[in-house]
PDB file of N, CA and C in Angstrom:
ATOM      1  N   UNK A   1       4.210  20.233 -17.805  1.00  0.00           N
ATOM      2  CA  UNK A   1       4.055  19.544 -16.530  1.00  0.00           C
ATOM      3  C   UNK A   1       4.372  20.525 -15.415  1.00  0.00           C
ATOM      4  N   UNK A   2       3.911  20.203 -14.232  1.00  0.00           N
ATOM      5  CA  UNK A   2       3.963  21.169 -13.157  1.00  0.00           C
ATOM      6  C   UNK A   2       4.371  20.535 -11.834  1.00  0.00           C
ATOM      7  N   UNK A   3       4.513  21.407 -10.843  1.00  0.00           N
ATOM      8  CA  UNK A   3       4.689  20.998  -9.461  1.00  0.00           C
ATOM      9  C   UNK A   3       3.320  21.124  -8.812  1.00  0.00           C
ATOM     10  N   UNK A   4       2.866  20.081  -8.154  1.00  0.00           N
ATOM     11  CA  UNK A   4       1.607  20.136  -7.425  1.00  0.00           C
ATOM     12  C   UNK A   4       1.917  20.354  -5.959  1.00  0.00           C
ATOM     13  N   UNK A   5       1.413  21.456  -5.414  1.00  0.00           N
ATOM     14  CA  UNK A   5       1.564  21.761  -3.991  1.00  0.00           C
ATOM     15  C   UNK A   5       0.220  21.486  -3.337  1.00  0.00           C
ATOM     16  N   UNK A   6       0.218  20.589  -2.365  1.00  0.00           N
ATOM     17  CA  UNK A   6      -1.009  20.229  -1.654  1.00  0.00           C
ATOM     18  C   UNK A   6      -0.842  20.690  -0.218  1.00  0.00           C
ATOM     19  N   UNK A   7      -1.423  21.843   0.077  1.00  0.00           N
ATOM     20  CA  UNK A   7      -1.217  22.515   1.368  1.00  0.00           C
ATOM     21  C   UNK A   7      -2.463  23.338   1.677  1.00  0.00           C
ATOM     22  N   UNK A   8      -3.072  23.160   2.854  1.00  0.00           N
ATOM     23  CA  UNK A   8      -4.279  23.912   3.182  1.00  0.00           C
ATOM     24  C   UNK A   8      -4.037  25.373   3.581  1.00  0.00           C
ATOM     25  N   UNK A   9      -2.838  25.705   4.012  1.00  0.00           N
ATOM     26  CA  UNK A   9      -2.547  27.061   4.475  1.00  0.00           C
ATOM     27  C   UNK A   9      -2.207  27.962   3.283  1.00  0.00           C
ATOM     28  N   UNK A  10      -3.051  28.963   3.022  1.00  0.00           N
ATOM     29  CA  UNK A  10      -2.863  29.820   1.846  1.00  0.00           C
ATOM     30  C   UNK A  10      -1.562  30.611   1.885  1.00  0.00           C
ATOM     31  N   UNK A  11      -1.167  31.097   3.046  1.00  0.00           N
ATOM     32  CA  UNK A  11       0.094  31.843   3.142  1.00  0.00           C
ATOM     33  C   UNK A  11       1.283  30.953   2.795  1.00  0.00           C
ATOM     34  N   UNK A  12       1.255  29.732   3.291  1.00  0.00           N
ATOM     35  CA  UNK A  12       2.345  28.799   3.008  1.00  0.00           C
ATOM     36  C   UNK A  12       2.318  28.373   1.542  1.00  0.00           C
ATOM     37  N   UNK A  13       1.119  28.215   0.972  1.00  0.00           N
ATOM     38  CA  UNK A  13       1.004  27.896  -0.463  1.00  0.00           C
ATOM     39  C   UNK A  13       1.759  28.936  -1.288  1.00  0.00           C
ATOM     40  N   UNK A  14       1.509  30.193  -0.979  1.00  0.00           N
ATOM     41  CA  UNK A  14       2.123  31.285  -1.737  1.00  0.00           C
ATOM     42  C   UNK A  14       3.641  31.268  -1.599  1.00  0.00           C
ATOM     43  N   UNK A  15       4.137  31.112  -0.385  1.00  0.00           N
ATOM     44  CA  UNK A  15       5.589  31.046  -0.166  1.00  0.00           C
ATOM     45  C   UNK A  15       6.211  29.868  -0.904  1.00  0.00           C
ATOM     46  N   UNK A  16       5.545  28.725  -0.838  1.00  0.00           N
ATOM     47  CA  UNK A  16       6.089  27.540  -1.502  1.00  0.00           C
ATOM     48  C   UNK A  16       6.066  27.721  -3.014  1.00  0.00           C
ATOM     49  N   UNK A  17       5.007  28.309  -3.552  1.00  0.00           N
ATOM     50  CA  UNK A  17       4.921  28.535  -4.999  1.00  0.00           C
ATOM     51  C   UNK A  17       6.059  29.436  -5.466  1.00  0.00           C
ATOM     52  N   UNK A  18       6.405  30.424  -4.662  1.00  0.00           N
ATOM     53  CA  UNK A  18       7.509  31.320  -5.018  1.00  0.00           C
ATOM     54  C   UNK A  18       8.859  30.622  -4.942  1.00  0.00           C
ATOM     55  N   UNK A  19       8.947  29.575  -4.141  1.00  0.00           N
ATOM     56  CA  UNK A  19      10.244  28.929  -3.908  1.00  0.00           C
ATOM     57  C   UNK A  19      10.572  27.834  -4.914  1.00  0.00           C
ATOM     58  N   UNK A  20       9.659  27.507  -5.827  1.00  0.00           N
ATOM     59  CA  UNK A  20       9.917  26.374  -6.730  1.00  0.00           C
ATOM     60  C   UNK A  20      10.585  26.778  -8.031  1.00  0.00           C
ATOM     61  N   UNK A  21      10.978  28.021  -8.154  1.00  0.00           N
ATOM     62  CA  UNK A  21      11.723  28.439  -9.338  1.00  0.00           C
ATOM     63  C   UNK A  21      10.857  28.551 -10.567  1.00  0.00           C
ATOM     64  N   UNK A  22      11.357  28.032 -11.680  1.00  0.00           N
ATOM     65  CA  UNK A  22      10.686  28.195 -12.969  1.00  0.00           C
ATOM     66  C   UNK A  22       9.625  27.149 -13.264  1.00  0.00           C
ATOM     67  N   UNK A  23       9.470  26.169 -12.425  1.00  0.00           N
ATOM     68  CA  UNK A  23       8.462  25.140 -12.679  1.00  0.00           C
ATOM     69  C   UNK A  23       7.064  25.724 -12.514  1.00  0.00           C
ATOM     70  N   UNK A  24       6.155  25.438 -13.453  1.00  0.00           N
ATOM     71  CA  UNK A  24       4.762  25.862 -13.259  1.00  0.00           C
ATOM     72  C   UNK A  24       4.197  25.188 -12.013  1.00  0.00           C
ATOM     73  N   UNK A  25       3.285  25.870 -11.326  1.00  0.00           N
ATOM     74  CA  UNK A  25       2.744  25.379 -10.060  1.00  0.00           C
ATOM     75  C   UNK A  25       1.235  25.214 -10.165  1.00  0.00           C
ATOM     76  N   UNK A  26       0.753  24.120  -9.611  1.00  0.00           N
ATOM     77  CA  UNK A  26      -0.679  23.912  -9.402  1.00  0.00           C
ATOM     78  C   UNK A  26      -0.859  23.735  -7.910  1.00  0.00           C
ATOM     79  N   UNK A  27      -1.985  24.214  -7.381  1.00  0.00           N
ATOM     80  CA  UNK A  27      -2.212  24.162  -5.938  1.00  0.00           C
ATOM     81  C   UNK A  27      -3.530  23.467  -5.655  1.00  0.00           C
ATOM     82  N   UNK A  28      -3.513  22.607  -4.647  1.00  0.00           N
ATOM     83  CA  UNK A  28      -4.720  21.975  -4.127  1.00  0.00           C
ATOM     84  C   UNK A  28      -4.710  22.161  -2.612  1.00  0.00           C
ATOM     85  N   UNK A  29      -5.889  22.338  -2.047  1.00  0.00           N
ATOM     86  CA  UNK A  29      -5.978  22.534  -0.598  1.00  0.00           C
ATOM     87  C   UNK A  29      -6.509  21.300   0.116  1.00  0.00           C
ATOM     88  N   UNK A  30      -7.090  20.382  -0.647  1.00  0.00           N
ATOM     89  CA  UNK A  30      -7.679  19.173  -0.069  1.00  0.00           C
ATOM     90  C   UNK A  30      -7.092  17.948  -0.755  1.00  0.00           C
ATOM     91  N   UNK A  31      -7.064  16.844  -0.036  1.00  0.00           N
ATOM     92  CA  UNK A  31      -6.516  15.618  -0.585  1.00  0.00           C
ATOM     93  C   UNK A  31      -7.300  15.076  -1.767  1.00  0.00           C
ATOM     94  N   UNK A  32      -8.641  15.122  -1.693  1.00  0.00           N
ATOM     95  CA  UNK A  32      -9.440  14.600  -2.803  1.00  0.00           C
ATOM     96  C   UNK A  32      -9.270  15.448  -4.062  1.00  0.00           C
ATOM     97  N   UNK A  33      -9.150  16.747  -3.883  1.00  0.00           N
ATOM     98  CA  UNK A  33      -8.892  17.659  -5.010  1.00  0.00           C
ATOM     99  C   UNK A  33      -7.527  17.339  -5.640  1.00  0.00           C
ATOM    100  N   UNK A  34      -6.536  17.116  -4.819  1.00  0.00           N
ATOM    101  CA  UNK A  34      -5.190  16.802  -5.309  1.00  0.00           C
ATOM    102  C   UNK A  34      -5.179  15.492  -6.089  1.00  0.00           C
ATOM    103  N   UNK A  35      -5.906  14.506  -5.608  1.00  0.00           N
ATOM    104  CA  UNK A  35      -5.937  13.219  -6.298  1.00  0.00           C
ATOM    105  C   UNK A  35      -6.526  13.375  -7.698  1.00  0.00           C
ATOM    106  N   UNK A  36      -7.571  14.183  -7.839  1.00  0.00           N
ATOM    107  CA  UNK A  36      -8.146  14.429  -9.169  1.00  0.00           C
ATOM    108  C   UNK A  36      -7.116  15.068 -10.091  1.00  0.00           C
ATOM    109  N   UNK A  37      -6.356  16.034  -9.575  1.00  0.00           N
ATOM    110  CA  UNK A  37      -5.317  16.699 -10.373  1.00  0.00           C
ATOM    111  C   UNK A  37      -4.243  15.694 -10.779  1.00  0.00           C
ATOM    112  N   UNK A  38      -3.800  14.889  -9.838  1.00  0.00           N
ATOM    113  CA  UNK A  38      -2.737  13.910 -10.098  1.00  0.00           C
ATOM    114  C   UNK A  38      -3.161  12.913 -11.173  1.00  0.00           C
ATOM    115  N   UNK A  39      -4.395  12.445 -11.090  1.00  0.00           N
ATOM    116  CA  UNK A  39      -4.863  11.453 -12.052  1.00  0.00           C
ATOM    117  C   UNK A  39      -5.118  12.056 -13.427  1.00  0.00           C
ATOM    118  N   UNK A  40      -5.539  13.319 -13.471  1.00  0.00           N
ATOM    119  CA  UNK A  40      -5.826  13.974 -14.751  1.00  0.00           C
ATOM    120  C   UNK A  40      -4.551  14.358 -15.493  1.00  0.00           C
ATOM    121  N   UNK A  41      -3.580  14.878 -14.766  1.00  0.00           N
ATOM    122  CA  UNK A  41      -2.322  15.320 -15.372  1.00  0.00           C
ATOM    123  C   UNK A  41      -1.204  15.158 -14.359  1.00  0.00           C
ATOM    124  N   UNK A  42      -0.544  14.009 -14.358  1.00  0.00           N
ATOM    125  CA  UNK A  42       0.494  13.768 -13.353  1.00  0.00           C
ATOM    126  C   UNK A  42       1.559  14.868 -13.371  1.00  0.00           C
ATOM    127  N   UNK A  43       1.845  15.429 -12.208  1.00  0.00           N
ATOM    128  CA  UNK A  43       2.852  16.499 -12.127  1.00  0.00           C
ATOM    129  C   UNK A  43       4.273  15.952 -12.153  1.00  0.00           C
ATOM    130  N   UNK A  44       5.224  16.868 -12.319  1.00  0.00           N
ATOM    131  CA  UNK A  44       6.644  16.503 -12.242  1.00  0.00           C
ATOM    132  C   UNK A  44       7.039  16.153 -10.821  1.00  0.00           C
ATOM    133  N   UNK A  45       6.490  16.911  -9.859  1.00  0.00           N
ATOM    134  CA  UNK A  45       6.807  16.746  -8.442  1.00  0.00           C
ATOM    135  C   UNK A  45       5.521  16.968  -7.654  1.00  0.00           C
ATOM    136  N   UNK A  46       5.339  16.198  -6.589  1.00  0.00           N
ATOM    137  CA  UNK A  46       4.203  16.389  -5.690  1.00  0.00           C
ATOM    138  C   UNK A  46       4.751  16.778  -4.329  1.00  0.00           C
ATOM    139  N   UNK A  47       4.273  17.909  -3.811  1.00  0.00           N
ATOM    140  CA  UNK A  47       4.622  18.372  -2.461  1.00  0.00           C
ATOM    141  C   UNK A  47       3.331  18.302  -1.662  1.00  0.00           C
ATOM    142  N   UNK A  48       3.288  17.475  -0.629  1.00  0.00           N
ATOM    143  CA  UNK A  48       2.040  17.262   0.096  1.00  0.00           C
ATOM    144  C   UNK A  48       2.215  17.395   1.604  1.00  0.00           C
ATOM    145  N   UNK A  49       1.311  18.131   2.209  1.00  0.00           N
ATOM    146  CA  UNK A  49       1.189  18.225   3.667  1.00  0.00           C
ATOM    147  C   UNK A  49       0.372  17.021   4.114  1.00  0.00           C
ATOM    148  N   UNK A  50       0.777  16.357   5.166  1.00  0.00           N
ATOM    149  CA  UNK A  50       0.047  15.172   5.612  1.00  0.00           C
ATOM    150  C   UNK A  50      -1.293  15.491   6.257  1.00  0.00           C
ATOM    151  N   UNK A  51      -1.451  16.661   6.850  1.00  0.00           N
ATOM    152  CA  UNK A  51      -2.696  17.008   7.536  1.00  0.00           C
ATOM    153  C   UNK A  51      -3.619  17.757   6.594  1.00  0.00           C
ATOM    154  N   UNK A  52      -4.471  17.002   5.882  1.00  0.00           N
ATOM    155  CA  UNK A  52      -5.369  17.569   4.883  1.00  0.00           C
ATOM    156  C   UNK A  52      -6.807  17.164   5.153  1.00  0.00           C
ATOM    157  N   UNK A  53      -7.730  17.937   4.583  1.00  0.00           N
ATOM    158  CA  UNK A  53      -9.139  17.563   4.593  1.00  0.00           C
ATOM    159  C   UNK A  53      -9.448  16.785   3.317  1.00  0.00           C
ATOM    160  N   UNK A  54     -10.544  16.058   3.324  1.00  0.00           N
ATOM    161  CA  UNK A  54     -11.007  15.375   2.125  1.00  0.00           C
ATOM    162  C   UNK A  54     -10.433  13.986   1.961  1.00  0.00           C
ATOM    163  N   UNK A  55      -9.168  13.879   1.889  1.00  0.00           N
ATOM    164  CA  UNK A  55      -8.446  12.604   1.815  1.00  0.00           C
ATOM    165  C   UNK A  55      -7.151  12.903   2.541  1.00  0.00           C
ATOM    166  N   UNK A  56      -6.934  12.237   3.652  1.00  0.00           N
ATOM    167  CA  UNK A  56      -5.776  12.625   4.452  1.00  0.00           C
ATOM    168  C   UNK A  56      -4.489  12.493   3.650  1.00  0.00           C
ATOM    169  N   UNK A  57      -3.556  13.347   3.959  1.00  0.00           N
ATOM    170  CA  UNK A  57      -2.317  13.430   3.207  1.00  0.00           C
ATOM    171  C   UNK A  57      -1.556  12.130   3.110  1.00  0.00           C
ATOM    172  N   UNK A  58      -1.576  11.333   4.177  1.00  0.00           N
ATOM    173  CA  UNK A  58      -0.840  10.073   4.144  1.00  0.00           C
ATOM    174  C   UNK A  58      -1.443   9.133   3.100  1.00  0.00           C
ATOM    175  N   UNK A  59      -2.753   9.047   3.041  1.00  0.00           N
ATOM    176  CA  UNK A  59      -3.397   8.196   2.030  1.00  0.00           C
ATOM    177  C   UNK A  59      -3.153   8.740   0.627  1.00  0.00           C
ATOM    178  N   UNK A  60      -3.231  10.063   0.482  1.00  0.00           N
ATOM    179  CA  UNK A  60      -2.964  10.682  -0.818  1.00  0.00           C
ATOM    180  C   UNK A  60      -1.536  10.375  -1.255  1.00  0.00           C
ATOM    181  N   UNK A  61      -0.601  10.527  -0.352  1.00  0.00           N
ATOM    182  CA  UNK A  61       0.806  10.296  -0.675  1.00  0.00           C
ATOM    183  C   UNK A  61       1.038   8.843  -1.095  1.00  0.00           C
ATOM    184  N   UNK A  62       0.415   7.914  -0.411  1.00  0.00           N
ATOM    185  CA  UNK A  62       0.576   6.508  -0.764  1.00  0.00           C
ATOM    186  C   UNK A  62      -0.043   6.227  -2.129  1.00  0.00           C
ATOM    187  N   UNK A  63      -1.208   6.813  -2.415  1.00  0.00           N
ATOM    188  CA  UNK A  63      -1.823   6.641  -3.748  1.00  0.00           C
ATOM    189  C   UNK A  63      -0.946   7.266  -4.821  1.00  0.00           C
ATOM    190  N   UNK A  64      -0.413   8.457  -4.554  1.00  0.00           N
ATOM    191  CA  UNK A  64       0.456   9.136  -5.522  1.00  0.00           C
ATOM    192  C   UNK A  64       1.717   8.325  -5.775  1.00  0.00           C
ATOM    193  N   UNK A  65       2.192   7.654  -4.756  1.00  0.00           N
ATOM    194  CA  UNK A  65       3.409   6.847  -4.879  1.00  0.00           C
ATOM    195  C   UNK A  65       3.227   5.715  -5.883  1.00  0.00           C
ATOM    196  N   UNK A  66       1.987   5.327  -6.141  1.00  0.00           N
ATOM    197  CA  UNK A  66       1.732   4.249  -7.093  1.00  0.00           C
ATOM    198  C   UNK A  66       1.953   4.697  -8.540  1.00  0.00           C
ATOM    199  N   UNK A  67       2.067   6.000  -8.769  1.00  0.00           N
ATOM    200  CA  UNK A  67       2.366   6.506 -10.103  1.00  0.00           C
ATOM    201  C   UNK A  67       3.834   6.230 -10.403  1.00  0.00           C
ATOM    202  N   UNK A  68       4.164   6.091 -11.668  1.00  0.00           N
ATOM    203  CA  UNK A  68       5.531   5.679 -11.992  1.00  0.00           C
ATOM    204  C   UNK A  68       6.615   6.701 -11.697  1.00  0.00           C
ATOM    205  N   UNK A  69       6.344   7.968 -11.821  1.00  0.00           N
ATOM    206  CA  UNK A  69       7.447   8.911 -11.828  1.00  0.00           C
ATOM    207  C   UNK A  69       7.505   9.999 -10.778  1.00  0.00           C
ATOM    208  N   UNK A  70       6.450  10.724 -10.484  1.00  0.00           N
ATOM    209  CA  UNK A  70       6.677  11.983  -9.756  1.00  0.00           C
ATOM    210  C   UNK A  70       7.324  11.797  -8.391  1.00  0.00           C
ATOM    211  N   UNK A  71       8.418  12.515  -8.161  1.00  0.00           N
ATOM    212  CA  UNK A  71       8.996  12.525  -6.817  1.00  0.00           C
ATOM    213  C   UNK A  71       7.964  13.065  -5.826  1.00  0.00           C
ATOM    214  N   UNK A  72       7.959  12.508  -4.647  1.00  0.00           N
ATOM    215  CA  UNK A  72       6.990  12.860  -3.613  1.00  0.00           C
ATOM    216  C   UNK A  72       7.720  13.480  -2.432  1.00  0.00           C
ATOM    217  N   UNK A  73       7.399  14.747  -2.150  1.00  0.00           N
ATOM    218  CA  UNK A  73       7.979  15.468  -1.016  1.00  0.00           C
ATOM    219  C   UNK A  73       6.874  15.651   0.009  1.00  0.00           C
ATOM    220  N   UNK A  74       7.087  15.147   1.208  1.00  0.00           N
ATOM    221  CA  UNK A  74       6.086  15.219   2.270  1.00  0.00           C
ATOM    222  C   UNK A  74       6.495  16.287   3.273  1.00  0.00           C
ATOM    223  N   UNK A  75       5.532  17.141   3.617  1.00  0.00           N
ATOM    224  CA  UNK A  75       5.710  18.170   4.640  1.00  0.00           C
ATOM    225  C   UNK A  75       4.811  17.818   5.808  1.00  0.00           C
ATOM    226  N   UNK A  76       5.316  17.954   7.016  1.00  0.00           N
ATOM    227  CA  UNK A  76       4.453  17.662   8.159  1.00  0.00           C
ATOM    228  C   UNK A  76       5.033  18.196   9.459  1.00  0.00           C
ATOM    229  N   UNK A  77       4.137  18.472  10.362  1.00  0.00           N
ATOM    230  CA  UNK A  77       4.544  18.808  11.723  1.00  0.00           C
ATOM    231  C   UNK A  77       4.191  17.647  12.643  1.00  0.00           C
ATOM    232  N   UNK A  78       4.017  16.476  12.063  1.00  0.00           N
ATOM    233  CA  UNK A  78       3.599  15.281  12.793  1.00  0.00           C
ATOM    234  C   UNK A  78       4.691  14.777  13.729  1.00  0.00           C
ATOM    235  N   UNK A  79       4.295  13.832  14.553  1.00  0.00           N
ATOM    236  CA  UNK A  79       5.218  13.245  15.524  1.00  0.00           C
ATOM    237  C   UNK A  79       6.248  12.338  14.838  1.00  0.00           C
ATOM    238  N   UNK A  80       7.204  11.892  15.619  1.00  0.00           N
ATOM    239  CA  UNK A  80       8.335  11.103  15.102  1.00  0.00           C
ATOM    240  C   UNK A  80       7.876   9.826  14.394  1.00  0.00           C
ATOM    241  N   UNK A  81       6.907   9.104  14.950  1.00  0.00           N
ATOM    242  CA  UNK A  81       6.444   7.856  14.328  1.00  0.00           C
ATOM    243  C   UNK A  81       5.848   8.114  12.951  1.00  0.00           C
ATOM    244  N   UNK A  82       5.092   9.174  12.829  1.00  0.00           N
ATOM    245  CA  UNK A  82       4.486   9.500  11.532  1.00  0.00           C
ATOM    246  C   UNK A  82       5.559   9.926  10.528  1.00  0.00           C
ATOM    247  N   UNK A  83       6.562  10.623  11.004  1.00  0.00           N
ATOM    248  CA  UNK A  83       7.681  10.990  10.129  1.00  0.00           C
ATOM    249  C   UNK A  83       8.400   9.741   9.614  1.00  0.00           C
ATOM    250  N   UNK A  84       8.607   8.769  10.481  1.00  0.00           N
ATOM    251  CA  UNK A  84       9.253   7.519  10.068  1.00  0.00           C
ATOM    252  C   UNK A  84       8.413   6.781   9.027  1.00  0.00           C
ATOM    253  N   UNK A  85       7.091   6.749   9.226  1.00  0.00           N
ATOM    254  CA  UNK A  85       6.215   6.106   8.232  1.00  0.00           C
ATOM    255  C   UNK A  85       6.301   6.842   6.902  1.00  0.00           C
ATOM    256  N   UNK A  86       6.284   8.169   6.948  1.00  0.00           N
ATOM    257  CA  UNK A  86       6.348   8.958   5.719  1.00  0.00           C
ATOM    258  C   UNK A  86       7.641   8.686   4.967  1.00  0.00           C
ATOM    259  N   UNK A  87       8.721   8.467   5.679  1.00  0.00           N
ATOM    260  CA  UNK A  87      10.009   8.213   5.033  1.00  0.00           C
ATOM    261  C   UNK A  87       9.996   6.923   4.216  1.00  0.00           C
ATOM    262  N   UNK A  88       9.061   6.026   4.500  1.00  0.00           N
ATOM    263  CA  UNK A  88       8.968   4.766   3.747  1.00  0.00           C
ATOM    264  C   UNK A  88       8.426   4.976   2.336  1.00  0.00           C
ATOM    265  N   UNK A  89       7.552   5.964   2.143  1.00  0.00           N
ATOM    266  CA  UNK A  89       6.939   6.145   0.820  1.00  0.00           C
ATOM    267  C   UNK A  89       7.309   7.461   0.149  1.00  0.00           C
ATOM    268  N   UNK A  90       7.906   8.378   0.864  1.00  0.00           N
ATOM    269  CA  UNK A  90       8.257   9.680   0.291  1.00  0.00           C
ATOM    270  C   UNK A  90       9.707   9.680  -0.183  1.00  0.00           C
ATOM    271  N   UNK A  91       9.975  10.479  -1.204  1.00  0.00           N
ATOM    272  CA  UNK A  91      11.357  10.665  -1.644  1.00  0.00           C
ATOM    273  C   UNK A  91      12.100  11.589  -0.704  1.00  0.00           C
ATOM    274  N   UNK A  92      11.363  12.513  -0.104  1.00  0.00           N
ATOM    275  CA  UNK A  92      11.947  13.473   0.836  1.00  0.00           C
ATOM    276  C   UNK A  92      10.882  13.833   1.858  1.00  0.00           C
ATOM    277  N   UNK A  93      11.256  13.919   3.123  1.00  0.00           N
ATOM    278  CA  UNK A  93      10.356  14.354   4.194  1.00  0.00           C
ATOM    279  C   UNK A  93      10.948  15.608   4.801  1.00  0.00           C
ATOM    280  N   UNK A  94      10.143  16.688   4.824  1.00  0.00           N
ATOM    281  CA  UNK A  94      10.591  17.937   5.427  1.00  0.00           C
ATOM    282  C   UNK A  94       9.692  18.237   6.628  1.00  0.00           C
ATOM    283  N   UNK A  95      10.221  18.063   7.832  1.00  0.00           N
ATOM    284  CA  UNK A  95       9.430  18.386   9.019  1.00  0.00           C
ATOM    285  C   UNK A  95       9.207  19.895   9.105  1.00  0.00           C
ATOM    286  N   UNK A  96       7.994  20.276   9.492  1.00  0.00           N
ATOM    287  CA  UNK A  96       7.693  21.696   9.687  1.00  0.00           C
ATOM    288  C   UNK A  96       8.145  22.095  11.076  1.00  0.00           C
ATOM    289  N   UNK A  97       8.656  23.284  11.244  1.00  0.00           N
ATOM    290  CA  UNK A  97       8.964  24.272  10.212  1.00  0.00           C
ATOM    291  C   UNK A  97      10.222  23.850   9.441  1.00  0.00           C
ATOM    292  N   UNK A  98      10.271  24.216   8.178  1.00  0.00           N
ATOM    293  CA  UNK A  98      11.406  23.871   7.336  1.00  0.00           C
ATOM    294  C   UNK A  98      11.890  25.127   6.629  1.00  0.00           C
ATOM    295  N   UNK A  99      13.102  25.074   6.145  1.00  0.00           N
ATOM    296  CA  UNK A  99      13.677  26.196   5.405  1.00  0.00           C
ATOM    297  C   UNK A  99      13.239  26.088   3.951  1.00  0.00           C
ATOM    298  N   UNK A 100      12.771  27.190   3.383  1.00  0.00           N
ATOM    299  CA  UNK A 100      12.313  27.188   1.997  1.00  0.00           C
ATOM    300  C   UNK A 100      13.424  26.745   1.046  1.00  0.00           C
ATOM    301  N   UNK A 101      14.668  27.011   1.393  1.00  0.00           N
ATOM    302  CA  UNK A 101      15.784  26.595   0.542  1.00  0.00           C
ATOM    303  C   UNK A 101      15.824  25.071   0.407  1.00  0.00           C
ATOM    304  N   UNK A 102      15.459  24.346   1.455  1.00  0.00           N
ATOM    305  CA  UNK A 102      15.422  22.879   1.383  1.00  0.00           C
ATOM    306  C   UNK A 102      14.320  22.413   0.449  1.00  0.00           C
ATOM    307  N   UNK A 103      13.157  23.069   0.515  1.00  0.00           N
ATOM    308  CA  UNK A 103      12.073  22.732  -0.394  1.00  0.00           C
ATOM    309  C   UNK A 103      12.465  23.065  -1.825  1.00  0.00           C
ATOM    310  N   UNK A 104      13.045  24.223  -2.011  1.00  0.00           N
ATOM    311  CA  UNK A 104      13.473  24.648  -3.348  1.00  0.00           C
ATOM    312  C   UNK A 104      14.450  23.629  -3.953  1.00  0.00           C
ATOM    313  N   UNK A 105      15.396  23.164  -3.173  1.00  0.00           N
ATOM    314  CA  UNK A 105      16.381  22.198  -3.667  1.00  0.00           C
ATOM    315  C   UNK A 105      15.718  20.870  -4.018  1.00  0.00           C
ATOM    316  N   UNK A 106      14.795  20.418  -3.179  1.00  0.00           N
ATOM    317  CA  UNK A 106      14.111  19.150  -3.437  1.00  0.00           C
ATOM    318  C   UNK A 106      13.252  19.237  -4.695  1.00  0.00           C
ATOM    319  N   UNK A 107      12.549  20.336  -4.869  1.00  0.00           N
ATOM    320  CA  UNK A 107      11.698  20.512  -6.050  1.00  0.00           C
ATOM    321  C   UNK A 107      12.564  20.649  -7.302  1.00  0.00           C
ATOM    322  N   UNK A 108      13.639  21.412  -7.212  1.00  0.00           N
ATOM    323  CA  UNK A 108      14.524  21.594  -8.368  1.00  0.00           C
ATOM    324  C   UNK A 108      15.080  20.254  -8.833  1.00  0.00           C
ATOM    325  N   UNK A 109      15.422  19.400  -7.902  1.00  0.00           N
ATOM    326  CA  UNK A 109      15.934  18.080  -8.247  1.00  0.00           C
ATOM    327  C   UNK A 109      14.865  17.287  -8.995  1.00  0.00           C
ATOM    328  N   UNK A 110      13.614  17.381  -8.554  1.00  0.00           N
ATOM    329  CA  UNK A 110      12.531  16.664  -9.214  1.00  0.00           C
ATOM    330  C   UNK A 110      12.163  17.256 -10.564  1.00  0.00           C
ATOM    331  N   UNK A 111      12.362  18.555 -10.757  1.00  0.00           N
ATOM    332  CA  UNK A 111      12.028  19.216 -12.021  1.00  0.00           C
ATOM    333  C   UNK A 111      13.117  19.083 -13.064  1.00  0.00           C
ATOM    334  N   UNK A 112      14.309  18.728 -12.634  1.00  0.00           N
ATOM    335  CA  UNK A 112      15.418  18.638 -13.605  1.00  0.00           C
ATOM    336  C   UNK A 112      15.247  17.392 -14.458  1.00  0.00           C
ATOM    337  N   UNK A 113      15.776  17.431 -15.682  1.00  0.00           N
ATOM    338  CA  UNK A 113      15.673  16.256 -16.558  1.00  0.00           C
ATOM    339  C   UNK A 113      16.323  15.044 -15.902  1.00  0.00           C
ATOM    340  N   UNK A 114      15.714  13.905 -16.095  1.00  0.00           N
ATOM    341  CA  UNK A 114      16.246  12.662 -15.529  1.00  0.00           C
ATOM    342  C   UNK A 114      17.585  12.323 -16.167  1.00  0.00           C
ATOM    343  N   UNK A 115      18.478  11.810 -15.366  1.00  0.00           N
ATOM    344  CA  UNK A 115      19.793  11.409 -15.878  1.00  0.00           C
ATOM    345  C   UNK A 115      19.604  10.326 -16.925  1.00  0.00           C
ATOM    346  N   UNK A 116      20.256  10.502 -18.055  1.00  0.00           N
ATOM    347  CA  UNK A 116      20.177   9.515 -19.114  1.00  0.00           C
ATOM    348  C   UNK A 116      19.000   9.708 -20.042  1.00  0.00           C
ATOM    349  N   UNK A 117      18.142  10.684 -19.761  1.00  0.00           N
ATOM    350  CA  UNK A 117      16.990  10.916 -20.637  1.00  0.00           C
ATOM    351  C   UNK A 117      17.470  11.555 -21.929  1.00  0.00           C
ATOM    352  N   UNK A 118      16.878  11.185 -23.030  1.00  0.00           N
ATOM    353  CA  UNK A 118      17.284  11.765 -24.312  1.00  0.00           C
ATOM    354  C   UNK A 118      16.655  13.120 -24.496  1.00  0.00           C
ATOM    355  N   UNK A 119      17.347  14.003 -25.234  1.00  0.00           N
ATOM    356  CA  UNK A 119      16.873  15.369 -25.430  1.00  0.00           C
ATOM    357  C   UNK A 119      15.873  15.456 -26.541  1.00  0.00           C
TER     358      UNK A 119
END
């Protein structure tokens, strides 16, 4: 299983991929592409930028939230109202610009074994 990073900016994709530690990474640049990945092989963690082409990030995030498990981390430079809406369906909201250490910590938490899970 992997971390799915949904981000249109290639430079930021690369930085984020480096910051997720040992978790395998899959990258999508468009919302519709990300949805296909999510449905084919649900990731451990989904990191999504709200401003996407194809299927806007907010709709993608809400659809992804319907899956049983993957933690959803939302990244955005959106206004305060949009941040508040994102907080309703996301496990974590990181306003841009954000510190990579915060993303790394959020992803690491999602990649770690669930408490009480059997080995």
